[in-house]
Structures are given as C-alpha cells and as structure tokens.
C-alpha cells in the first residue's frame, strides 16, 4: 500500500513544482525583452520553444492588466495581454487639460467598500483625493433656476432609498438570478416599482438621473432585480450608491483614473500588445486555444477574456460557444455608450459664489454636471454626463450650448472657458460599445447562469463578472484577481 504523504510534504512538493515552473517561465520571458524585435518576434519569444503561451489575456483594461500583474507576481512569465485599442485603460481615459492636469472622460471614482481598487492604487503609488461637493447645487428647469444644498447627495428621497436597501438584501450582488424573489422582482423595471412609491414630482428628476448615471438607462428600462444587486454591493445601503459623500462617487485618483492602467502596463512592458484585436478564437474546447489577431496567431493553454460580454459577441468562435453562453453575449445590452464633456476654466469661480459645481437639469441635455477640478483647485473643470440625442454632434455647437447652460447656472463667468472636450463614446471608440450595462427586466432570469462558468479553456473576466461592485472599476480589479487565480489553478491541474 502506498504511503500517504503528509499535508506539509504535499505543500512542499507543490512549492517546488511552482518554483521549477516559475524559473522555466522566467527564462522564457527574458527572450521577449528586445525593444527592437518585431511584433511577431516578441510574440514568438513569449510563447517559448513549443510556440504556446501558458495564458493569453484579451483586454488591457483594469481587469486584464490586473490579471497579468497577478500572473507575474505568482511567477508566471509565459503570458501576453492583447488589446484592440491603441492604448490601455479600457473604459477609463484621461483627457489632458492646460497646466499639465487631466480630466477623466470615462470611469473615475471609488467609494466605501471598494477595497480592491483602493489596494491597487496604494500598491502602484497612486494618490487619492475627495470629490468636491461643498456648497449649493443648481437645478435647471427651462428658464428656471433653483439652488439647494444637497449636502453631498443627489437629492433622492431617503425613505424610498431605504426601501430599496431592504429589498436588496435578498438579491446577491454577484448572482442576482439566484435570489429567492427572482420571479417577483425580475418582472419589474425600476420605473414600475417607483410608480408605486408615491414619488413627489420634484423628486422625479433625481431618480431619473440616478438610474441613468448608476445603471445606464432610465427607470422605465432598468431592471429592478439588477438595480437591487447594485445596491447589495453597496452594503445594501442605497445612499452609498447614489451620492458623493460616503458614496461610490466620493474619491478620485491623482493623475486621473487611467493612471492605474498606465502604471500596470509600464510594469508589464512587452507583455502588453496594443492595436491587436482578436477576431476569432479556435479550439477553445481542446488543449491549446488559437487566437486569430490582426498580427497573426497566438496560441495558449488558457485564455482570460477580460472584455465586455457584448464585445465577446463580435468575435467568432470555432467551435461555436454553448447555446446559453452565446445567447447571453447576443442579448447583453450594448446601447449605453455614454457621452461625457469637460469644460475648463482658469479657476473654479463657482466656488467663490458658494456653488459646488453640480447641476441637474429637468428634461434637458445635462444629466449631471460636477466639479472635476484638480486636488487643490489649481484650475477649474466642470465635467458633465449628457443626453446624447439632445447635444449637437458638432463640437463648437456643443461647446456653445454648454456655455449658455453654465452661464444660466453661475453667471457670465461661465462664458469664458479656456478648453472644451467632448467624449462621445459611440463615435470615437469602436471597442467601447457601452460604458454601463443597462440590464432590462427579465435578463438575469433568462441568462444569468451562463455568466460565470468557463467554456473549455476560456475564463470569463471583466467588471460585469465581478461578485461585488460589478460594473465599477473596483469590480474590474476584483474580476482580474479572480481570473488570474482561475488561470493559475488551471495550469496547476494541467
């Protein structure tokens, strides 16, 4: 009878195996360091003698780069990150403004409970600072103007928010389709539920803005089950999702949110390949997967797919994916690309007037404008989420419209900006087909169970797959950690 090994002996054997693996992988990785090598040569070097990578990662956003960083820290050097864009960062993007500062035109905040992205920032040496909200918020309605101190909130009814928080306790944030009340809740939109709450007319604008900003769709199109799963991420406290103070919009990153991806990519060097879209994935059900890119084929034993589910639907799979996974990708909403503007002034003059830079507009193009100035207010920046269909597509016309609305809010000082940027994601970036997933009623009941399970050697990652804070930067980082862990475990089993 064979002698049973002790737990310590097994652990030591596993450590020796990993050290041997790490040493071999590191030796292979050194071949890819030549800066003058061609794209094909670099890829071949990273793949090693047999031409096969241990791990290929699709997507150089926060999820994919976090996964790559974890692989390297675990001793794995046989990997590549393939990014379709000519930059890293995914749905985070910095816009350079006068004075050497930046303003974010994509995702940008973190808040309480978002510890994964906070830890990443500390590890990368990226500082943080609070979002500015001191003073009065302006509410515009037609030619009318009202100012009110919302004290760091968006002005939604606290009692209604508390009801949502109680309901969210029964909706797991990472798997809302497993809720015991899925049959009841997934039939309703947020608008259906709000219609039963006797919402005051003056509060409707706040709820509409909250649903669009947090979920990507108006209340009538946002699934209640999905919205509750988002609140569940925020410790079942709606105010942590919907406000600035003690909420998901509380904290910003020095140097802009894209700096997190930029720093990770700098550390990874030649492991990140830009302008390399993956068009087809073959053999995902076998031992070696082939990725067909615009720069040739890449072969890998495991693939972490760290991109939006709707983008996955744009790739070809051979053989076809299982029916349930293919249906999820096909049905995933991809109609919320978002549009975000940045108006730059020599100084944040609105603060001198007792204003915090925030504007909400009733039935107008401005969903929410807010102070996005640098940490010390060295220069004044107002960012705004806008209704795409209500803003002119031509830049100068869009700028003129913004100036008039800001002048209505704060006076003629707003008519003299020094720079303006208009980021219409639907026009400038074919790889960001949606910024926030506007999940409709019934979606999770029909497709939820296909979100997480791997398909052969394909590991699904990206913020939409996160078990907490899905859709946020924190969720992206968490999904990257999880994707790397699953890839390492797959390699260990092999």
Protein backbone atom coordinates (compact mmCIF):
# COMPACT_ATOMS: atom_id res chain seq x y z
CA UNK A 1 0.00 0.00 0.00
CA UNK A 2 1.41 3.39 -0.93
CA UNK A 3 2.41 5.62 1.93
CA UNK A 4 0.11 8.64 2.30
CA UNK A 5 2.03 11.91 2.17
CA UNK A 6 1.59 14.44 4.95
CA UNK A 7 -0.03 17.84 4.29
CA UNK A 8 3.36 19.52 4.83
CA UNK A 9 5.07 17.20 2.36
CA UNK A 10 2.36 17.85 -0.22
CA UNK A 11 2.68 21.58 0.29
CA UNK A 12 6.47 21.42 -0.08
CA UNK A 13 6.11 19.40 -3.29
CA UNK A 14 3.64 21.94 -4.65
CA UNK A 15 6.02 24.81 -3.80
CA UNK A 16 8.94 23.01 -5.51
CA UNK A 17 6.80 22.45 -8.58
CA UNK A 18 5.84 26.13 -8.69
CA UNK A 19 9.46 27.24 -8.23
CA UNK A 20 10.53 24.98 -11.08
CA UNK A 21 7.67 26.32 -13.23
CA UNK A 22 8.45 29.94 -12.34
CA UNK A 23 12.16 29.55 -13.13
CA UNK A 24 11.45 27.99 -16.51
CA UNK A 25 8.84 30.62 -17.35
CA UNK A 26 11.16 33.44 -16.32
CA UNK A 27 13.89 32.08 -18.60
CA UNK A 28 11.43 32.05 -21.48
CA UNK A 29 10.21 35.54 -20.59
CA UNK A 30 13.66 37.09 -20.89
CA UNK A 31 13.65 36.33 -24.60
CA UNK A 32 10.89 38.90 -25.13
CA UNK A 33 12.76 41.94 -23.85
CA UNK A 34 14.43 43.15 -27.02
CA UNK A 35 12.87 46.53 -27.81
CA UNK A 36 13.82 46.33 -31.50
CA UNK A 37 12.16 42.98 -32.12
CA UNK A 38 9.11 42.84 -34.35
CA UNK A 39 5.63 42.16 -33.03
CA UNK A 40 5.78 38.61 -34.38
CA UNK A 41 9.22 38.01 -32.87
CA UNK A 42 8.15 39.25 -29.47
CA UNK A 43 5.09 37.04 -29.55
CA UNK A 44 7.13 34.01 -30.58
CA UNK A 45 9.63 34.66 -27.79
CA UNK A 46 6.93 34.92 -25.15
CA UNK A 47 5.36 31.69 -26.33
CA UNK A 48 8.52 29.70 -25.76
CA UNK A 49 10.05 26.75 -27.60
CA UNK A 50 6.76 24.98 -28.29
CA UNK A 51 5.09 28.18 -29.52
CA UNK A 52 2.41 28.02 -26.82
CA UNK A 53 1.75 30.55 -24.07
CA UNK A 54 0.54 29.44 -20.68
CA UNK A 55 -2.00 32.28 -20.58
CA UNK A 56 -3.33 34.78 -23.11
CA UNK A 57 -5.35 37.72 -21.80
CA UNK A 58 -7.76 39.56 -24.06
CA UNK A 59 -8.21 43.19 -22.98
CA UNK A 60 -5.84 45.71 -21.38
CA UNK A 61 -8.33 47.44 -19.14
CA UNK A 62 -8.24 47.23 -15.36
CA UNK A 63 -9.37 43.59 -15.35
CA UNK A 64 -6.92 42.27 -17.91
CA UNK A 65 -3.92 44.19 -16.58
CA UNK A 66 -4.69 43.18 -13.00
CA UNK A 67 -4.82 39.54 -14.11
CA UNK A 68 -1.48 39.92 -15.91
CA UNK A 69 0.09 41.59 -12.89
CA UNK A 70 -1.08 38.75 -10.65
CA UNK A 71 0.34 36.15 -13.03
CA UNK A 72 3.74 37.81 -12.91
CA UNK A 73 3.64 38.06 -9.12
CA UNK A 74 2.87 34.34 -9.00
CA UNK A 75 5.99 33.60 -11.07
CA UNK A 76 4.32 33.09 -14.43
CA UNK A 77 6.05 34.87 -17.35
CA UNK A 78 4.53 32.89 -20.21
CA UNK A 79 1.63 35.25 -20.96
CA UNK A 80 0.60 38.12 -23.20
CA UNK A 81 -2.09 40.80 -22.98
CA UNK A 82 -3.79 41.54 -26.31
CA UNK A 83 -5.55 44.91 -26.61
CA UNK A 84 -7.59 46.07 -29.61
CA UNK A 85 -7.20 49.78 -28.86
CA UNK A 86 -4.01 51.78 -29.32
CA UNK A 87 -3.96 52.49 -25.58
CA UNK A 88 -4.57 50.78 -22.24
CA UNK A 89 -7.30 51.58 -19.76
CA UNK A 90 -10.47 50.28 -21.39
CA UNK A 91 -13.37 52.40 -20.21
CA UNK A 92 -11.08 54.71 -18.22
CA UNK A 93 -9.48 57.54 -20.19
CA UNK A 94 -7.68 60.75 -19.24
CA UNK A 95 -8.01 63.98 -21.21
CA UNK A 96 -5.04 66.35 -20.97
CA UNK A 97 -6.02 69.90 -19.99
CA UNK A 98 -3.97 73.12 -19.74
CA UNK A 99 -1.44 73.34 -16.93
CA UNK A 100 -0.38 69.71 -17.10
CA UNK A 101 -3.54 68.40 -15.46
CA UNK A 102 -6.01 65.74 -16.61
CA UNK A 103 -9.75 65.27 -16.54
CA UNK A 104 -11.34 61.84 -16.79
CA UNK A 105 -13.78 61.22 -19.63
CA UNK A 106 -14.57 57.64 -18.60
CA UNK A 107 -14.94 55.86 -15.25
CA UNK A 108 -13.25 57.80 -12.48
CA UNK A 109 -14.42 57.24 -8.87
CA UNK A 110 -14.18 54.88 -5.97
CA UNK A 111 -16.04 54.84 -2.67
CA UNK A 112 -16.59 52.98 0.60
CA UNK A 113 -16.26 49.23 0.34
CA UNK A 114 -14.34 49.39 -2.93
CA UNK A 115 -11.22 48.00 -1.34
CA UNK A 116 -9.81 46.17 -4.39
CA UNK A 117 -9.22 49.30 -6.44
CA UNK A 118 -8.08 51.18 -3.33
CA UNK A 119 -5.46 48.49 -2.64
CA UNK A 120 -4.31 48.59 -6.26
CA UNK A 121 -3.86 52.37 -6.11
CA UNK A 122 -1.74 52.08 -2.94
CA UNK A 123 0.42 49.35 -4.47
CA UNK A 124 1.01 51.47 -7.58
CA UNK A 125 1.73 54.62 -5.58
CA UNK A 126 -1.31 56.47 -6.92
CA UNK A 127 -2.72 59.08 -4.53
CA UNK A 128 -6.38 59.90 -3.99
CA UNK A 129 -8.39 62.99 -3.05
CA UNK A 130 -12.05 63.76 -2.28
CA UNK A 131 -14.60 64.81 -4.88
CA UNK A 132 -15.59 68.45 -4.30
CA UNK A 133 -19.21 68.95 -3.17
CA UNK A 134 -19.21 71.86 -0.69
CA UNK A 135 -21.88 74.48 -1.43
CA UNK A 136 -25.11 74.65 -3.37
CA UNK A 137 -26.25 72.51 -6.28
CA UNK A 138 -28.11 74.18 -9.17
CA UNK A 139 -31.28 72.64 -10.59
CA UNK A 140 -32.30 73.97 -14.00
CA UNK A 141 -35.76 73.63 -15.49
CA UNK A 142 -36.45 75.52 -18.69
CA UNK A 143 -35.62 79.14 -17.91
CA UNK A 144 -35.96 78.48 -14.18
CA UNK A 145 -33.14 78.05 -11.70
CA UNK A 146 -33.12 76.78 -8.13
CA UNK A 147 -30.16 76.36 -5.77
CA UNK A 148 -30.12 73.92 -2.87
CA UNK A 149 -27.52 72.43 -0.56
CA UNK A 150 -27.89 68.67 -1.05
CA UNK A 151 -25.03 68.03 1.39
CA UNK A 152 -23.22 65.60 -0.89
CA UNK A 153 -26.29 63.68 -2.06
CA UNK A 154 -28.19 63.57 -5.34
CA UNK A 155 -31.45 64.58 -3.68
CA UNK A 156 -33.36 61.31 -3.93
CA UNK A 157 -35.96 60.52 -1.27
CA UNK A 158 -34.25 58.86 1.72
CA UNK A 159 -37.31 56.83 2.73
CA UNK A 160 -37.66 55.36 -0.77
CA UNK A 161 -33.92 54.66 -0.83
CA UNK A 162 -34.23 52.82 2.48
CA UNK A 163 -36.97 50.60 0.99
CA UNK A 164 -34.70 49.74 -1.92
CA UNK A 165 -31.94 48.90 0.55
CA UNK A 166 -34.19 46.47 2.42
CA UNK A 167 -35.26 44.78 -0.81
CA UNK A 168 -31.63 44.44 -1.93
CA UNK A 169 -30.83 42.15 1.00
CA UNK A 170 -32.50 39.30 -0.90
CA UNK A 171 -30.59 39.91 -4.15
CA UNK A 172 -26.96 38.64 -4.18
CA UNK A 173 -24.80 41.21 -5.95
CA UNK A 174 -22.76 38.65 -7.86
CA UNK A 175 -25.63 36.39 -8.85
CA UNK A 176 -29.00 38.20 -8.76
CA UNK A 177 -30.69 35.36 -10.65
CA UNK A 178 -30.26 33.15 -7.56
CA UNK A 179 -32.46 35.41 -5.43
CA UNK A 180 -35.38 33.70 -3.73
CA UNK A 181 -37.54 36.52 -5.09
CA UNK A 182 -36.26 36.44 -8.67
CA UNK A 183 -39.68 35.55 -10.12
CA UNK A 184 -41.27 38.56 -8.49
CA UNK A 185 -38.51 41.16 -8.85
CA UNK A 186 -37.16 40.40 -12.33
CA UNK A 187 -40.54 41.10 -13.91
CA UNK A 188 -40.39 44.75 -12.85
CA UNK A 189 -38.47 47.78 -14.04
CA UNK A 190 -37.22 50.36 -11.57
CA UNK A 191 -39.87 52.66 -13.05
CA UNK A 192 -42.62 50.12 -12.30
CA UNK A 193 -41.53 49.95 -8.68
CA UNK A 194 -41.09 53.72 -8.27
CA UNK A 195 -44.60 54.29 -9.64
CA UNK A 196 -45.93 52.51 -6.55
CA UNK A 197 -43.94 54.65 -4.12
CA UNK A 198 -45.83 57.95 -4.41
CA UNK A 199 -42.76 59.85 -5.59
CA UNK A 200 -43.14 63.63 -5.49
CA UNK A 201 -42.95 65.31 -8.90
CA UNK A 202 -39.97 67.41 -7.80
CA UNK A 203 -38.09 64.20 -6.89
CA UNK A 204 -38.60 62.52 -10.26
CA UNK A 205 -35.61 64.28 -11.84
CA UNK A 206 -33.29 62.93 -9.12
CA UNK A 207 -34.49 59.36 -9.57
CA UNK A 208 -34.22 59.61 -13.33
CA UNK A 209 -30.64 60.92 -13.11
CA UNK A 210 -29.72 58.29 -10.52
CA UNK A 211 -30.96 55.42 -12.68
CA UNK A 212 -29.19 56.66 -15.82
CA UNK A 213 -25.91 57.51 -14.09
CA UNK A 214 -25.70 54.34 -11.99
CA UNK A 215 -27.36 51.86 -14.32
CA UNK A 216 -27.17 53.32 -17.81
CA UNK A 217 -30.89 53.56 -18.51
CA UNK A 218 -33.98 55.48 -17.43
CA UNK A 219 -36.05 53.86 -14.66
CA UNK A 220 -38.60 52.51 -17.16
CA UNK A 221 -35.88 50.44 -18.89
CA UNK A 222 -33.77 49.42 -15.90
CA UNK A 223 -34.46 46.00 -14.39
CA UNK A 224 -35.35 46.21 -10.70
CA UNK A 225 -33.52 42.97 -9.90
CA UNK A 226 -30.32 44.31 -11.45
CA UNK A 227 -30.64 47.66 -9.69
CA UNK A 228 -31.10 45.87 -6.36
CA UNK A 229 -28.00 43.78 -7.00
CA UNK A 230 -26.03 47.00 -7.40
CA UNK A 231 -27.36 48.30 -4.09
CA UNK A 232 -26.47 44.96 -2.48
CA UNK A 233 -22.83 45.65 -3.46
CA UNK A 234 -23.05 48.90 -1.51
CA UNK A 235 -23.74 47.09 1.78
CA UNK A 236 -27.48 47.24 0.99
CA UNK A 237 -27.34 50.99 1.56
CA UNK A 238 -28.77 52.94 -1.38
CA UNK A 239 -27.08 56.15 -0.26
CA UNK A 240 -23.66 54.51 -0.81
CA UNK A 241 -24.55 54.10 -4.46
CA UNK A 242 -26.36 57.34 -5.15
CA UNK A 243 -24.39 60.14 -3.52
CA UNK A 244 -20.96 61.74 -3.29
CA UNK A 245 -20.44 61.92 0.46
CA UNK A 246 -19.71 58.43 1.85
CA UNK A 247 -20.70 57.04 -1.54
CA UNK A 248 -19.38 55.49 -4.75
CA UNK A 249 -18.54 58.96 -6.15
CA UNK A 250 -16.60 60.09 -3.08
CA UNK A 251 -12.94 59.66 -4.09
CA UNK A 252 -10.83 60.46 -7.16
CA UNK A 253 -7.33 59.44 -8.26
CA UNK A 254 -4.42 61.86 -8.54
CA UNK A 255 -3.40 61.82 -12.18
CA UNK A 256 -6.77 60.51 -13.35
CA UNK A 257 -8.21 57.01 -13.19
CA UNK A 258 -6.42 55.81 -16.33
CA UNK A 259 -3.11 56.20 -14.48
CA UNK A 260 -3.81 52.86 -12.78
CA UNK A 261 -3.75 51.02 -16.11
CA UNK A 262 -0.86 53.09 -17.44
CA UNK A 263 1.31 52.19 -14.45
CA UNK A 264 0.45 48.49 -14.65
CA UNK A 265 1.22 48.45 -18.37
CA UNK A 266 4.58 50.15 -17.75
CA UNK A 267 5.46 47.39 -15.30
CA UNK A 268 4.41 44.69 -17.77
CA UNK A 269 6.37 46.16 -20.69
CA UNK A 270 6.39 43.98 -23.83
CA UNK A 271 3.78 41.68 -22.35
CA UNK A 272 1.12 44.17 -23.48
CA UNK A 273 0.37 44.31 -27.21
CA UNK A 274 -1.70 47.27 -28.40
CA UNK A 275 -3.69 47.56 -31.64
CA UNK A 276 -4.07 43.77 -31.64
CA UNK A 277 -7.77 42.92 -31.83
CA UNK A 278 -8.72 39.25 -31.53
CA UNK A 279 -11.08 38.38 -34.36
CA UNK A 280 -11.54 34.65 -33.85
CA UNK A 281 -10.94 32.05 -31.13
CA UNK A 282 -10.42 28.47 -32.26
CA UNK A 283 -10.03 25.25 -30.31
CA UNK A 284 -11.27 26.62 -27.01
CA UNK A 285 -12.62 23.15 -26.21
CA UNK A 286 -9.21 21.47 -26.67
CA UNK A 287 -5.80 21.55 -25.03
CA UNK A 288 -4.49 24.59 -26.94
CA UNK A 289 -6.51 27.66 -27.94
CA UNK A 290 -5.65 29.67 -31.05
CA UNK A 291 -6.37 33.40 -31.10
CA UNK A 292 -6.52 34.93 -34.57
CA UNK A 293 -5.43 38.58 -34.39
CA UNK A 294 -4.61 41.32 -36.89
CA UNK A 295 -0.93 40.50 -36.29
CA UNK A 296 -1.06 36.74 -36.62
CA UNK A 297 -1.97 33.83 -34.40
CA UNK A 298 -1.34 33.45 -30.69
CA UNK A 299 -1.62 30.02 -29.07
CA UNK A 300 -2.25 29.49 -25.37
CA UNK A 301 -3.21 26.79 -22.90
CA UNK A 302 -5.60 29.11 -21.07
CA UNK A 303 -7.33 32.34 -22.10
CA UNK A 304 -8.68 35.05 -19.79
CA UNK A 305 -11.32 37.00 -21.71
CA UNK A 306 -11.35 40.36 -19.90
CA UNK A 307 -13.69 42.31 -22.16
CA UNK A 308 -17.36 43.31 -22.18
CA UNK A 309 -19.79 40.43 -22.91
CA UNK A 310 -21.25 42.29 -25.89
CA UNK A 311 -17.74 42.64 -27.36
CA UNK A 312 -17.32 38.89 -26.99
CA UNK A 313 -20.28 38.52 -29.34
CA UNK A 314 -18.30 40.35 -32.03
CA UNK A 315 -15.64 37.63 -32.11
CA UNK A 316 -16.05 34.34 -33.96
CA UNK A 317 -15.75 31.09 -32.03
CA UNK A 318 -14.80 27.75 -33.55
CA UNK A 319 -16.50 25.59 -32.48
CA UNK A 320 -19.49 27.76 -31.57
CA UNK A 321 -19.91 28.51 -27.88
CA UNK A 322 -22.52 26.61 -25.87
CA UNK A 323 -26.01 27.88 -26.61
CA UNK A 324 -26.58 29.53 -23.22
CA UNK A 325 -23.31 31.45 -23.26
CA UNK A 326 -23.82 32.54 -26.87
CA UNK A 327 -27.32 33.71 -26.02
CA UNK A 328 -26.05 35.78 -23.08
CA UNK A 329 -23.48 37.55 -25.27
CA UNK A 330 -26.02 38.12 -28.02
CA UNK A 331 -28.64 39.56 -25.64
CA UNK A 332 -26.33 41.68 -23.48
CA UNK A 333 -27.40 45.35 -23.74
CA UNK A 334 -24.94 47.46 -25.72
CA UNK A 335 -26.83 50.70 -26.21
CA UNK A 336 -25.41 52.91 -23.45
CA UNK A 337 -22.09 54.22 -24.85
CA UNK A 338 -22.45 57.46 -22.85
CA UNK A 339 -21.20 60.93 -23.62
CA UNK A 340 -19.13 62.97 -21.21
CA UNK A 341 -17.89 66.52 -21.60
CA UNK A 342 -15.23 68.62 -19.87
CA UNK A 343 -15.27 72.43 -19.75
CA UNK A 344 -12.07 74.02 -18.47
CA UNK A 345 -11.74 77.46 -16.82
CA UNK A 346 -8.76 79.34 -15.41
CA UNK A 347 -10.10 78.80 -11.92
CA UNK A 348 -13.14 77.21 -10.22
CA UNK A 349 -15.01 80.52 -9.97
CA UNK A 350 -18.29 78.88 -8.91
CA UNK A 351 -16.77 78.06 -5.53
CA UNK A 352 -16.46 81.78 -4.79
CA UNK A 353 -20.21 82.06 -5.36
CA UNK A 354 -20.98 79.34 -2.80
CA UNK A 355 -21.63 76.73 -5.51
CA UNK A 356 -20.25 73.20 -5.66
CA UNK A 357 -20.23 72.93 -9.45
CA UNK A 358 -23.09 70.42 -9.62
CA UNK A 359 -26.04 70.91 -11.97
CA UNK A 360 -29.11 68.75 -12.52
CA UNK A 361 -31.41 69.68 -15.37
CA UNK A 362 -35.09 68.82 -15.75
CA UNK A 363 -35.84 67.47 -19.24
CA UNK A 364 -32.60 68.90 -20.60
CA UNK A 365 -29.30 67.69 -22.01
CA UNK A 366 -27.36 67.87 -18.71
CA UNK A 367 -27.91 64.73 -16.63
CA UNK A 368 -25.34 65.79 -14.07
CA UNK A 369 -22.54 68.37 -14.23
CA UNK A 370 -19.96 68.34 -11.44
CA UNK A 371 -16.71 69.90 -10.26
CA UNK A 372 -13.86 67.80 -11.65
CA UNK A 373 -11.02 70.21 -10.83
CA UNK A 374 -7.54 69.06 -9.71
CA UNK A 375 -6.93 68.38 -5.98
CA UNK A 376 -6.05 71.96 -4.97
CA UNK A 377 -8.37 73.68 -7.44
CA UNK A 378 -5.42 74.98 -9.44
CA UNK A 379 -7.66 75.13 -12.49
CA UNK A 380 -11.43 74.90 -12.86
CA UNK A 381 -13.00 71.88 -14.57
CA UNK A 382 -16.68 71.02 -14.97
CA UNK A 383 -17.42 67.56 -16.29
CA UNK A 384 -20.92 66.57 -17.37
CA UNK A 385 -22.83 63.46 -18.33
CA UNK A 386 -25.15 64.50 -21.13
CA UNK A 387 -28.13 63.10 -23.05
CA UNK A 388 -26.53 62.29 -26.38
CA UNK A 389 -29.58 62.96 -28.52
CA UNK A 390 -30.03 66.44 -27.03
CA UNK A 391 -26.49 67.72 -27.62
CA UNK A 392 -25.26 68.85 -31.07
CA UNK A 393 -22.77 66.47 -32.64
CA UNK A 394 -20.58 69.33 -33.90
CA UNK A 395 -18.00 70.31 -31.26
CA UNK A 396 -18.34 74.11 -31.38
CA UNK A 397 -22.13 73.92 -31.23
CA UNK A 398 -21.93 71.54 -28.27
CA UNK A 399 -19.49 73.89 -26.52
CA UNK A 400 -21.78 76.89 -27.11
CA UNK A 401 -24.72 75.00 -25.63
CA UNK A 402 -22.71 74.09 -22.53
CA UNK A 403 -21.55 77.69 -22.05
CA UNK A 404 -25.11 79.01 -22.12
CA UNK A 405 -26.35 76.42 -19.62
CA UNK A 406 -23.42 77.02 -17.28
CA UNK A 407 -23.96 80.78 -17.54
CA UNK A 408 -27.61 80.22 -16.57
CA UNK A 409 -26.35 78.34 -13.52
CA UNK A 410 -23.40 80.53 -12.43
CA UNK A 411 -23.38 83.76 -14.40
CA UNK A 412 -21.32 85.24 -17.21
CA UNK A 413 -18.00 83.92 -15.87
CA UNK A 414 -19.03 80.62 -17.43
CA UNK A 415 -18.89 82.15 -20.93
CA UNK A 416 -15.08 82.27 -20.99
CA UNK A 417 -13.66 78.73 -20.89
CA UNK A 418 -10.08 78.01 -21.96
CA UNK A 419 -10.71 74.47 -23.24
CA UNK A 420 -13.53 72.05 -24.01
CA UNK A 421 -13.55 68.31 -24.63
CA UNK A 422 -16.49 66.24 -25.85
CA UNK A 423 -16.10 62.46 -25.46
CA UNK A 424 -18.90 60.75 -27.34
CA UNK A 425 -18.00 57.11 -26.80
CA UNK A 426 -20.37 55.96 -29.53
CA UNK A 427 -18.34 57.86 -32.16
CA UNK A 428 -14.70 57.74 -31.12
CA UNK A 429 -14.09 54.21 -29.87
CA UNK A 430 -15.48 51.11 -31.64
CA UNK A 431 -14.19 48.92 -28.80
CA UNK A 432 -16.27 50.68 -26.13
CA UNK A 433 -19.73 49.90 -27.39
CA UNK A 434 -21.26 50.54 -23.99
CA UNK A 435 -19.98 52.07 -20.76
CA UNK A 436 -22.60 50.86 -18.29
CA UNK A 437 -24.72 47.76 -18.79
CA UNK A 438 -28.36 48.82 -18.79
CA UNK A 439 -29.77 45.43 -17.79
CA UNK A 440 -33.53 45.26 -18.53
CA UNK A 441 -36.22 43.32 -16.67
CA UNK A 442 -36.08 39.58 -17.26
CA UNK A 443 -32.45 39.46 -18.40
CA UNK A 444 -30.96 37.75 -15.37
CA UNK A 445 -33.74 35.16 -15.20
CA UNK A 446 -33.05 34.18 -18.79
CA UNK A 447 -29.26 34.41 -18.97
CA UNK A 448 -27.67 34.77 -15.53
CA UNK A 449 -26.50 31.19 -15.06
CA UNK A 450 -24.25 31.45 -18.15
CA UNK A 451 -22.26 34.47 -16.90
CA UNK A 452 -19.55 32.83 -14.79
CA UNK A 453 -18.85 29.22 -15.90
CA UNK A 454 -15.79 28.74 -18.11
CA UNK A 455 -16.16 27.40 -21.63
CA UNK A 456 -13.35 24.92 -22.12
CA UNK A 457 -10.14 26.91 -21.74
CA UNK A 458 -11.92 30.29 -21.80
CA UNK A 459 -12.16 32.11 -18.45
CA UNK A 460 -14.64 35.00 -18.48
CA UNK A 461 -13.45 38.12 -16.69
CA UNK A 462 -14.19 41.86 -16.74
CA UNK A 463 -16.17 44.03 -14.35
CA UNK A 464 -19.52 42.56 -15.44
CA UNK A 465 -18.45 39.21 -13.95
CA UNK A 466 -17.44 40.57 -10.53
CA UNK A 467 -19.06 39.15 -7.42
CA UNK A 468 -19.18 42.62 -5.88
CA UNK A 469 -19.27 46.10 -7.43
CA UNK A 470 -19.94 44.69 -10.88
CA UNK A 471 -19.82 47.49 -13.45
CA UNK A 472 -17.42 49.61 -11.40
CA UNK A 473 -13.63 49.96 -11.53
CA UNK A 474 -13.47 48.03 -8.27
CA UNK A 475 -15.39 45.18 -9.88
CA UNK A 476 -12.93 45.16 -12.78
CA UNK A 477 -9.97 44.78 -10.42
CA UNK A 478 -11.72 42.04 -8.46
CA UNK A 479 -12.53 40.14 -11.65
CA UNK A 480 -8.91 40.42 -12.74
CA UNK A 481 -7.70 38.86 -9.49
CA UNK A 482 -10.25 36.09 -9.85
CA UNK A 483 -9.38 35.47 -13.50
CA UNK A 484 -5.67 35.13 -12.72
CA UNK A 485 -6.37 32.75 -9.86
CA UNK A 486 -8.53 30.55 -12.07
CA UNK A 487 -5.87 30.56 -14.78
CA UNK A 488 -3.12 29.57 -12.34
CA UNK A 489 -5.28 26.79 -10.93
CA UNK A 490 -5.98 25.53 -14.45
CA UNK A 491 -2.24 25.44 -15.18
CA UNK A 492 -1.52 23.67 -11.90
CA UNK A 493 -4.12 21.00 -12.67
CA UNK A 494 -2.65 20.54 -16.14
